Amino acid sequence: MEYKFMDDKNTMVITTKDILERKKDILFVSHDEDDGMWQFLDGDDVLEEQAVIVSLHEMVGIDDTINILHDLPLGWIAYREKVNLDWIRCEN
């Protein structure tokens, strides 16, 4: 598995239990400006009990197509309708 992010592989990121269990796909990514935190979500609202923290490397292992977002600037988001479609990037 290729890893393109400049962040350390052990960088903590936010995702959901459904994504970890591969019940839902990563369709929304945020690179938060205030703390540099990455969020890998399915596009739905996240309930606190669904949120989990894992490593960035683990997220790439779940869906290596997120590697294309390795250069997403702080304060930007990216989204897509389906896994096989292109990411759309924009400033948050």
PDB file of N, CA and C in Angstrom:
ATOM      1  N   MET A   1       0.841  -1.181   0.000  1.00  0.00           N
ATOM      2  CA  MET A   1       0.000   0.000   0.000  1.00  0.00           C
ATOM      3  C   MET A   1       0.888   1.247   0.000  1.00  0.00           C
ATOM      4  N   GLU A   2       0.623   2.130  -0.930  1.00  0.00           N
ATOM      5  CA  GLU A   2       1.371   3.378  -1.019  1.00  0.00           C
ATOM      6  C   GLU A   2       0.796   4.392  -0.028  1.00  0.00           C
ATOM      7  N   TYR A   3       1.666   5.200   0.554  1.00  0.00           N
ATOM      8  CA  TYR A   3       1.277   6.240   1.505  1.00  0.00           C
ATOM      9  C   TYR A   3       1.894   7.545   1.051  1.00  0.00           C
ATOM     10  N   LYS A   4       1.070   8.512   0.599  1.00  0.00           N
ATOM     11  CA  LYS A   4       1.575   9.759   0.018  1.00  0.00           C
ATOM     12  C   LYS A   4       1.516  10.964   0.950  1.00  0.00           C
ATOM     13  N   PHE A   5       0.824  10.862   2.057  1.00  0.00           N
ATOM     14  CA  PHE A   5       0.659  12.012   2.944  1.00  0.00           C
ATOM     15  C   PHE A   5       1.997  12.434   3.552  1.00  0.00           C
ATOM     16  N   MET A   6       2.163  13.740   3.736  1.00  0.00           N
ATOM     17  CA  MET A   6       3.353  14.271   4.394  1.00  0.00           C
ATOM     18  C   MET A   6       3.248  14.086   5.910  1.00  0.00           C
ATOM     19  N   ASP A   7       2.033  13.989   6.415  1.00  0.00           N
ATOM     20  CA  ASP A   7       1.819  13.770   7.848  1.00  0.00           C
ATOM     21  C   ASP A   7       2.364  12.401   8.245  1.00  0.00           C
ATOM     22  N   ASP A   8       2.806  12.304   9.485  1.00  0.00           N
ATOM     23  CA  ASP A   8       3.277  11.041  10.025  1.00  0.00           C
ATOM     24  C   ASP A   8       2.184   9.983   9.907  1.00  0.00           C
ATOM     25  N   LYS A   9       2.556   8.753   9.671  1.00  0.00           N
ATOM     26  CA  LYS A   9       1.577   7.663   9.533  1.00  0.00           C
ATOM     27  C   LYS A   9       0.710   7.504  10.776  1.00  0.00           C
ATOM     28  N   ASN A  10       1.242   7.857  11.943  1.00  0.00           N
ATOM     29  CA  ASN A  10       0.497   7.720  13.193  1.00  0.00           C
ATOM     30  C   ASN A  10      -0.352   8.941  13.533  1.00  0.00           C
ATOM     31  N   THR A  11      -0.437   9.900  12.621  1.00  0.00           N
ATOM     32  CA  THR A  11      -1.275  11.076  12.844  1.00  0.00           C
ATOM     33  C   THR A  11      -2.709  10.631  13.116  1.00  0.00           C
ATOM     34  N   MET A  12      -3.293  11.149  14.190  1.00  0.00           N
ATOM     35  CA  MET A  12      -4.664  10.781  14.543  1.00  0.00           C
ATOM     36  C   MET A  12      -5.655  11.500  13.635  1.00  0.00           C
ATOM     37  N   VAL A  13      -6.665  10.769  13.199  1.00  0.00           N
ATOM     38  CA  VAL A  13      -7.727  11.328  12.369  1.00  0.00           C
ATOM     39  C   VAL A  13      -9.073  10.892  12.939  1.00  0.00           C
ATOM     40  N   ILE A  14     -10.110  11.623  12.550  1.00  0.00           N
ATOM     41  CA  ILE A  14     -11.468  11.293  12.973  1.00  0.00           C
ATOM     42  C   ILE A  14     -12.172  10.587  11.820  1.00  0.00           C
ATOM     43  N   THR A  15     -12.868   9.522  12.145  1.00  0.00           N
ATOM     44  CA  THR A  15     -13.707   8.823  11.178  1.00  0.00           C
ATOM     45  C   THR A  15     -14.897   8.248  11.937  1.00  0.00           C
ATOM     46  N   THR A  16     -15.597   7.306  11.328  1.00  0.00           N
ATOM     47  CA  THR A  16     -16.757   6.705  11.985  1.00  0.00           C
ATOM     48  C   THR A  16     -16.608   5.193  12.059  1.00  0.00           C
ATOM     49  N   LYS A  17     -17.338   4.599  12.956  1.00  0.00           N
ATOM     50  CA  LYS A  17     -17.343   3.140  13.097  1.00  0.00           C
ATOM     51  C   LYS A  17     -17.795   2.477  11.800  1.00  0.00           C
ATOM     52  N   ASP A  18     -18.777   3.065  11.119  1.00  0.00           N
ATOM     53  CA  ASP A  18     -19.280   2.480   9.872  1.00  0.00           C
ATOM     54  C   ASP A  18     -18.207   2.450   8.784  1.00  0.00           C
ATOM     55  N   ILE A  19     -17.366   3.458   8.731  1.00  0.00           N
ATOM     56  CA  ILE A  19     -16.274   3.462   7.752  1.00  0.00           C
ATOM     57  C   ILE A  19     -15.228   2.414   8.143  1.00  0.00           C
ATOM     58  N   LEU A  20     -14.896   2.346   9.421  1.00  0.00           N
ATOM     59  CA  LEU A  20     -13.927   1.342   9.872  1.00  0.00           C
ATOM     60  C   LEU A  20     -14.409  -0.073   9.581  1.00  0.00           C
ATOM     61  N   GLU A  21     -15.693  -0.293   9.744  1.00  0.00           N
ATOM     62  CA  GLU A  21     -16.276  -1.620   9.499  1.00  0.00           C
ATOM     63  C   GLU A  21     -16.637  -1.827   8.032  1.00  0.00           C
ATOM     64  N   ARG A  22     -16.297  -0.826   7.200  1.00  0.00           N
ATOM     65  CA  ARG A  22     -16.518  -0.862   5.747  1.00  0.00           C
ATOM     66  C   ARG A  22     -17.998  -1.020   5.364  1.00  0.00           C
ATOM     67  N   LYS A  23     -18.841  -0.459   6.218  1.00  0.00           N
ATOM     68  CA  LYS A  23     -20.283  -0.424   5.931  1.00  0.00           C
ATOM     69  C   LYS A  23     -20.626   0.805   5.085  1.00  0.00           C
ATOM     70  N   LYS A  24     -19.789   1.852   5.198  1.00  0.00           N
ATOM     71  CA  LYS A  24     -19.975   3.086   4.429  1.00  0.00           C
ATOM     72  C   LYS A  24     -18.640   3.499   3.835  1.00  0.00           C
ATOM     73  N   ASP A  25     -18.701   4.288   2.769  1.00  0.00           N
ATOM     74  CA  ASP A  25     -17.503   4.747   2.069  1.00  0.00           C
ATOM     75  C   ASP A  25     -17.084   6.137   2.531  1.00  0.00           C
ATOM     76  N   ILE A  26     -15.811   6.468   2.334  1.00  0.00           N
ATOM     77  CA  ILE A  26     -15.307   7.809   2.611  1.00  0.00           C
ATOM     78  C   ILE A  26     -15.714   8.698   1.442  1.00  0.00           C
ATOM     79  N   LEU A  27     -16.603   9.648   1.721  1.00  0.00           N
ATOM     80  CA  LEU A  27     -17.109  10.544   0.689  1.00  0.00           C
ATOM     81  C   LEU A  27     -16.857  12.019   1.015  1.00  0.00           C
ATOM     82  N   PHE A  28     -16.370  12.297   2.209  1.00  0.00           N
ATOM     83  CA  PHE A  28     -16.123  13.671   2.649  1.00  0.00           C
ATOM     84  C   PHE A  28     -14.838  13.702   3.475  1.00  0.00           C
ATOM     85  N   VAL A  29     -13.935  14.620   3.144  1.00  0.00           N
ATOM     86  CA  VAL A  29     -12.677  14.767   3.873  1.00  0.00           C
ATOM     87  C   VAL A  29     -12.495  16.230   4.233  1.00  0.00           C
ATOM     88  N   SER A  30     -12.082  16.464   5.459  1.00  0.00           N
ATOM     89  CA  SER A  30     -11.806  17.817   5.928  1.00  0.00           C
ATOM     90  C   SER A  30     -10.396  17.853   6.503  1.00  0.00           C
ATOM     91  N   HIS A  31      -9.652  18.913   6.166  1.00  0.00           N
ATOM     92  CA  HIS A  31      -8.331  19.152   6.755  1.00  0.00           C
ATOM     93  C   HIS A  31      -8.455  20.458   7.530  1.00  0.00           C
ATOM     94  N   ASP A  32      -8.780  20.340   8.797  1.00  0.00           N
ATOM     95  CA  ASP A  32      -9.161  21.474   9.630  1.00  0.00           C
ATOM     96  C   ASP A  32      -8.039  22.499   9.776  1.00  0.00           C
ATOM     97  N   GLU A  33      -8.397  23.772   9.581  1.00  0.00           N
ATOM     98  CA  GLU A  33      -7.421  24.853   9.638  1.00  0.00           C
ATOM     99  C   GLU A  33      -6.937  25.130  11.051  1.00  0.00           C
ATOM    100  N   ASP A  34      -7.827  25.038  12.027  1.00  0.00           N
ATOM    101  CA  ASP A  34      -7.462  25.428  13.385  1.00  0.00           C
ATOM    102  C   ASP A  34      -6.473  24.479  14.060  1.00  0.00           C
ATOM    103  N   ASP A  35      -6.581  23.174  13.812  1.00  0.00           N
ATOM    104  CA  ASP A  35      -5.698  22.226  14.487  1.00  0.00           C
ATOM    105  C   ASP A  35      -4.998  21.242  13.549  1.00  0.00           C
ATOM    106  N   GLY A  36      -5.260  21.352  12.235  1.00  0.00           N
ATOM    107  CA  GLY A  36      -4.621  20.465  11.269  1.00  0.00           C
ATOM    108  C   GLY A  36      -5.177  19.056  11.251  1.00  0.00           C
ATOM    109  N   MET A  37      -6.226  18.828  12.011  1.00  0.00           N
ATOM    110  CA  MET A  37      -6.832  17.492  12.110  1.00  0.00           C
ATOM    111  C   MET A  37      -7.484  17.103  10.785  1.00  0.00           C
ATOM    112  N   TRP A  38      -7.364  15.843  10.441  1.00  0.00           N
ATOM    113  CA  TRP A  38      -8.046  15.278   9.278  1.00  0.00           C
ATOM    114  C   TRP A  38      -9.318  14.592   9.744  1.00  0.00           C
ATOM    115  N   GLN A  39     -10.374  14.704   8.928  1.00  0.00           N
ATOM    116  CA  GLN A  39     -11.621  13.978   9.167  1.00  0.00           C
ATOM    117  C   GLN A  39     -11.979  13.235   7.886  1.00  0.00           C
ATOM    118  N   PHE A  40     -12.265  11.953   8.014  1.00  0.00           N
ATOM    119  CA  PHE A  40     -12.655  11.111   6.888  1.00  0.00           C
ATOM    120  C   PHE A  40     -14.042  10.560   7.198  1.00  0.00           C
ATOM    121  N   LEU A  41     -15.043  11.109   6.510  1.00  0.00           N
ATOM    122  CA  LEU A  41     -16.435  10.830   6.854  1.00  0.00           C
ATOM    123  C   LEU A  41     -17.209  10.342   5.642  1.00  0.00           C
ATOM    124  N   ASP A  42     -18.458   9.948   5.877  1.00  0.00           N
ATOM    125  CA  ASP A  42     -19.290   9.424   4.783  1.00  0.00           C
ATOM    126  C   ASP A  42     -20.242  10.471   4.211  1.00  0.00           C
ATOM    127  N   GLY A  43     -20.199  11.676   4.737  1.00  0.00           N
ATOM    128  CA  GLY A  43     -21.049  12.748   4.222  1.00  0.00           C
ATOM    129  C   GLY A  43     -22.313  12.964   5.030  1.00  0.00           C
ATOM    130  N   ASP A  44     -22.644  12.029   5.918  1.00  0.00           N
ATOM    131  CA  ASP A  44     -23.807  12.185   6.785  1.00  0.00           C
ATOM    132  C   ASP A  44     -23.382  12.868   8.082  1.00  0.00           C
ATOM    133  N   ASP A  45     -24.361  13.379   8.821  1.00  0.00           N
ATOM    134  CA  ASP A  45     -24.062  13.931  10.135  1.00  0.00           C
ATOM    135  C   ASP A  45     -23.498  12.823  11.020  1.00  0.00           C
ATOM    136  N   VAL A  46     -22.521  13.164  11.853  1.00  0.00           N
ATOM    137  CA  VAL A  46     -21.867  12.181  12.704  1.00  0.00           C
ATOM    138  C   VAL A  46     -22.340  12.354  14.141  1.00  0.00           C
ATOM    139  N   LEU A  47     -22.886  11.295  14.684  1.00  0.00           N
ATOM    140  CA  LEU A  47     -23.247  11.279  16.096  1.00  0.00           C
ATOM    141  C   LEU A  47     -21.984  10.999  16.906  1.00  0.00           C
ATOM    142  N   GLU A  48     -21.895  11.602  18.066  1.00  0.00           N
ATOM    143  CA  GLU A  48     -20.698  11.457  18.889  1.00  0.00           C
ATOM    144  C   GLU A  48     -20.340   9.995  19.147  1.00  0.00           C
ATOM    145  N   GLU A  49     -21.333   9.159  19.350  1.00  0.00           N
ATOM    146  CA  GLU A  49     -21.066   7.744  19.643  1.00  0.00           C
ATOM    147  C   GLU A  49     -20.576   6.970  18.414  1.00  0.00           C
ATOM    148  N   GLN A  50     -20.699   7.552  17.232  1.00  0.00           N
ATOM    149  CA  GLN A  50     -20.206   6.916  15.997  1.00  0.00           C
ATOM    150  C   GLN A  50     -18.766   7.321  15.687  1.00  0.00           C
ATOM    151  N   ALA A  51     -18.297   8.413  16.270  1.00  0.00           N
ATOM    152  CA  ALA A  51     -16.962   8.931  15.963  1.00  0.00           C
ATOM    153  C   ALA A  51     -15.878   8.090  16.630  1.00  0.00           C
ATOM    154  N   VAL A  52     -14.789   7.869  15.878  1.00  0.00           N
ATOM    155  CA  VAL A  52     -13.629   7.164  16.407  1.00  0.00           C
ATOM    156  C   VAL A  52     -12.364   7.857  15.913  1.00  0.00           C
ATOM    157  N   ILE A  53     -11.280   7.655  16.643  1.00  0.00           N
ATOM    158  CA  ILE A  53      -9.987   8.193  16.255  1.00  0.00           C
ATOM    159  C   ILE A  53      -9.077   7.026  15.887  1.00  0.00           C
ATOM    160  N   VAL A  54      -8.484   7.115  14.702  1.00  0.00           N
ATOM    161  CA  VAL A  54      -7.563   6.094  14.207  1.00  0.00           C
ATOM    162  C   VAL A  54      -6.367   6.800  13.569  1.00  0.00           C
ATOM    163  N   SER A  55      -5.418   6.037  13.074  1.00  0.00           N
ATOM    164  CA  SER A  55      -4.250   6.629  12.424  1.00  0.00           C
ATOM    165  C   SER A  55      -4.541   6.930  10.954  1.00  0.00           C
ATOM    166  N   LEU A  56      -3.830   7.911  10.439  1.00  0.00           N
ATOM    167  CA  LEU A  56      -3.949   8.258   9.023  1.00  0.00           C
ATOM    168  C   LEU A  56      -3.551   7.070   8.154  1.00  0.00           C
ATOM    169  N   HIS A  57      -2.548   6.345   8.563  1.00  0.00           N
ATOM    170  CA  HIS A  57      -2.107   5.159   7.823  1.00  0.00           C
ATOM    171  C   HIS A  57      -3.226   4.119   7.743  1.00  0.00           C
ATOM    172  N   GLU A  58      -3.957   3.948   8.824  1.00  0.00           N
ATOM    173  CA  GLU A  58      -5.079   3.000   8.821  1.00  0.00           C
ATOM    174  C   GLU A  58      -6.158   3.433   7.824  1.00  0.00           C
ATOM    175  N   MET A  59      -6.396   4.742   7.728  1.00  0.00           N
ATOM    176  CA  MET A  59      -7.398   5.236   6.777  1.00  0.00           C
ATOM    177  C   MET A  59      -6.978   4.930   5.338  1.00  0.00           C
ATOM    178  N   VAL A  60      -5.699   5.120   5.036  1.00  0.00           N
ATOM    179  CA  VAL A  60      -5.214   4.805   3.686  1.00  0.00           C
ATOM    180  C   VAL A  60      -5.379   3.316   3.411  1.00  0.00           C
ATOM    181  N   GLY A  61      -5.225   2.490   4.433  1.00  0.00           N
ATOM    182  CA  GLY A  61      -5.432   1.054   4.283  1.00  0.00           C
ATOM    183  C   GLY A  61      -6.875   0.693   3.997  1.00  0.00           C
ATOM    184  N   ILE A  62      -7.792   1.484   4.513  1.00  0.00           N
ATOM    185  CA  ILE A  62      -9.219   1.243   4.273  1.00  0.00           C
ATOM    186  C   ILE A  62      -9.600   1.673   2.863  1.00  0.00           C
ATOM    187  N   ASP A  63      -9.053   2.808   2.413  1.00  0.00           N
ATOM    188  CA  ASP A  63      -9.375   3.328   1.073  1.00  0.00           C
ATOM    189  C   ASP A  63      -8.179   4.114   0.555  1.00  0.00           C
ATOM    190  N   ASP A  64      -7.355   3.467  -0.255  1.00  0.00           N
ATOM    191  CA  ASP A  64      -6.138   4.143  -0.721  1.00  0.00           C
ATOM    192  C   ASP A  64      -6.403   5.234  -1.749  1.00  0.00           C
ATOM    193  N   THR A  65      -7.648   5.386  -2.202  1.00  0.00           N
ATOM    194  CA  THR A  65      -7.959   6.486  -3.121  1.00  0.00           C
ATOM    195  C   THR A  65      -7.859   7.836  -2.430  1.00  0.00           C
ATOM    196  N   ILE A  66      -7.842   7.857  -1.091  1.00  0.00           N
ATOM    197  CA  ILE A  66      -7.684   9.126  -0.377  1.00  0.00           C
ATOM    198  C   ILE A  66      -6.275   9.673  -0.514  1.00  0.00           C
ATOM    199  N   ASN A  67      -5.327   8.848  -0.969  1.00  0.00           N
ATOM    200  CA  ASN A  67      -3.958   9.329  -1.196  1.00  0.00           C
ATOM    201  C   ASN A  67      -3.917  10.534  -2.106  1.00  0.00           C
ATOM    202  N   ILE A  68      -4.868  10.640  -3.014  1.00  0.00           N
ATOM    203  CA  ILE A  68      -4.894  11.775  -3.943  1.00  0.00           C
ATOM    204  C   ILE A  68      -5.095  13.099  -3.200  1.00  0.00           C
ATOM    205  N   LEU A  69      -5.568  13.029  -1.961  1.00  0.00           N
ATOM    206  CA  LEU A  69      -5.819  14.229  -1.163  1.00  0.00           C
ATOM    207  C   LEU A  69      -4.646  14.578  -0.249  1.00  0.00           C
ATOM    208  N   HIS A  70      -3.503  13.949  -0.443  1.00  0.00           N
ATOM    209  CA  HIS A  70      -2.340  14.158   0.425  1.00  0.00           C
ATOM    210  C   HIS A  70      -1.910  15.625   0.494  1.00  0.00           C
ATOM    211  N   ASP A  71      -2.241  16.410  -0.527  1.00  0.00           N
ATOM    212  CA  ASP A  71      -1.840  17.816  -0.549  1.00  0.00           C
ATOM    213  C   ASP A  71      -3.012  18.774  -0.299  1.00  0.00           C
ATOM    214  N   LEU A  72      -4.104  18.269   0.262  1.00  0.00           N
ATOM    215  CA  LEU A  72      -5.258  19.114   0.568  1.00  0.00           C
ATOM    216  C   LEU A  72      -4.836  20.158   1.610  1.00  0.00           C
ATOM    217  N   PRO A  73      -4.944  21.441   1.273  1.00  0.00           N
ATOM    218  CA  PRO A  73      -4.475  22.485   2.199  1.00  0.00           C
ATOM    219  C   PRO A  73      -5.302  22.544   3.490  1.00  0.00           C
ATOM    220  N   LEU A  74      -4.699  23.104   4.504  1.00  0.00           N
ATOM    221  CA  LEU A  74      -5.422  23.369   5.752  1.00  0.00           C
ATOM    222  C   LEU A  74      -6.628  24.248   5.438  1.00  0.00           C
ATOM    223  N   GLY A  75      -7.759  23.948   6.044  1.00  0.00           N
ATOM    224  CA  GLY A  75      -8.963  24.747   5.847  1.00  0.00           C
ATOM    225  C   GLY A  75      -9.759  24.358   4.615  1.00  0.00           C
ATOM    226  N   TRP A  76      -9.373  23.294   3.950  1.00  0.00           N
ATOM    227  CA  TRP A  76     -10.079  22.844   2.749  1.00  0.00           C
ATOM    228  C   TRP A  76     -10.816  21.539   3.025  1.00  0.00           C
ATOM    229  N   ILE A  77     -11.811  21.280   2.176  1.00  0.00           N
ATOM    230  CA  ILE A  77     -12.551  20.024   2.206  1.00  0.00           C
ATOM    231  C   ILE A  77     -12.509  19.402   0.815  1.00  0.00           C
ATOM    232  N   ALA A  78     -12.836  18.129   0.763  1.00  0.00           N
ATOM    233  CA  ALA A  78     -12.989  17.431  -0.512  1.00  0.00           C
ATOM    234  C   ALA A  78     -14.167  16.478  -0.357  1.00  0.00           C
ATOM    235  N   TYR A  79     -14.920  16.331  -1.444  1.00  0.00           N
ATOM    236  CA  TYR A  79     -16.062  15.421  -1.391  1.00  0.00           C
ATOM    237  C   TYR A  79     -16.264  14.770  -2.750  1.00  0.00           C
ATOM    238  N   ARG A  80     -17.014  13.680  -2.749  1.00  0.00           N
ATOM    239  CA  ARG A  80     -17.362  12.966  -3.973  1.00  0.00           C
ATOM    240  C   ARG A  80     -18.695  12.272  -3.754  1.00  0.00           C
ATOM    241  N   GLU A  81     -19.382  11.984  -4.837  1.00  0.00           N
ATOM    242  CA  GLU A  81     -20.691  11.331  -4.746  1.00  0.00           C
ATOM    243  C   GLU A  81     -20.571   9.834  -4.484  1.00  0.00           C
ATOM    244  N   LYS A  82     -19.574   9.207  -5.116  1.00  0.00           N
ATOM    245  CA  LYS A  82     -19.331   7.771  -4.984  1.00  0.00           C
ATOM    246  C   LYS A  82     -17.836   7.530  -4.993  1.00  0.00           C
ATOM    247  N   VAL A  83     -17.430   6.366  -4.530  1.00  0.00           N
ATOM    248  CA  VAL A  83     -16.008   6.035  -4.440  1.00  0.00           C
ATOM    249  C   VAL A  83     -15.308   6.125  -5.787  1.00  0.00           C
ATOM    250  N   ASN A  84     -15.950   5.716  -6.853  1.00  0.00           N
ATOM    251  CA  ASN A  84     -15.284   5.684  -8.157  1.00  0.00           C
ATOM    252  C   ASN A  84     -15.316   7.023  -8.896  1.00  0.00           C
ATOM    253  N   LEU A  85     -15.826   8.073  -8.277  1.00  0.00           N
ATOM    254  CA  LEU A  85     -15.871   9.397  -8.904  1.00  0.00           C
ATOM    255  C   LEU A  85     -14.730  10.275  -8.388  1.00  0.00           C
ATOM    256  N   ASP A  86     -14.428  11.332  -9.137  1.00  0.00           N
ATOM    257  CA  ASP A  86     -13.359  12.257  -8.757  1.00  0.00           C
ATOM    258  C   ASP A  86     -13.732  13.060  -7.519  1.00  0.00           C
ATOM    259  N   TRP A  87     -12.701  13.438  -6.775  1.00  0.00           N
ATOM    260  CA  TRP A  87     -12.871  14.317  -5.625  1.00  0.00           C
ATOM    261  C   TRP A  87     -13.066  15.755  -6.111  1.00  0.00           C
ATOM    262  N   ILE A  88     -13.929  16.476  -5.449  1.00  0.00           N
ATOM    263  CA  ILE A  88     -14.112  17.912  -5.665  1.00  0.00           C
ATOM    264  C   ILE A  88     -13.519  18.609  -4.453  1.00  0.00           C
ATOM    265  N   ARG A  89     -12.593  19.524  -4.681  1.00  0.00           N
ATOM    266  CA  ARG A  89     -11.920  20.239  -3.594  1.00  0.00           C
ATOM    267  C   ARG A  89     -12.421  21.677  -3.515  1.00  0.00           C
ATOM    268  N   CYS A  90     -12.545  22.190  -2.307  1.00  0.00           N
ATOM    269  CA  CYS A  90     -12.901  23.596  -2.145  1.00  0.00           C
ATOM    270  C   CYS A  90     -12.485  24.076  -0.761  1.00  0.00           C
ATOM    271  N   GLU A  91     -12.308  25.382  -0.681  1.00  0.00           N
ATOM    272  CA  GLU A  91     -11.968  25.994   0.611  1.00  0.00           C
ATOM    273  C   GLU A  91     -13.204  25.935   1.491  1.00  0.00           C
ATOM    274  N   ASN A  92     -13.001  25.559   2.739  1.00  0.00           N
ATOM    275  CA  ASN A  92     -14.122  25.410   3.666  1.00  0.00           C
ATOM    276  C   ASN A  92     -14.604  26.757   4.150  1.00  0.00           C
TER     277      ASN A  92
END
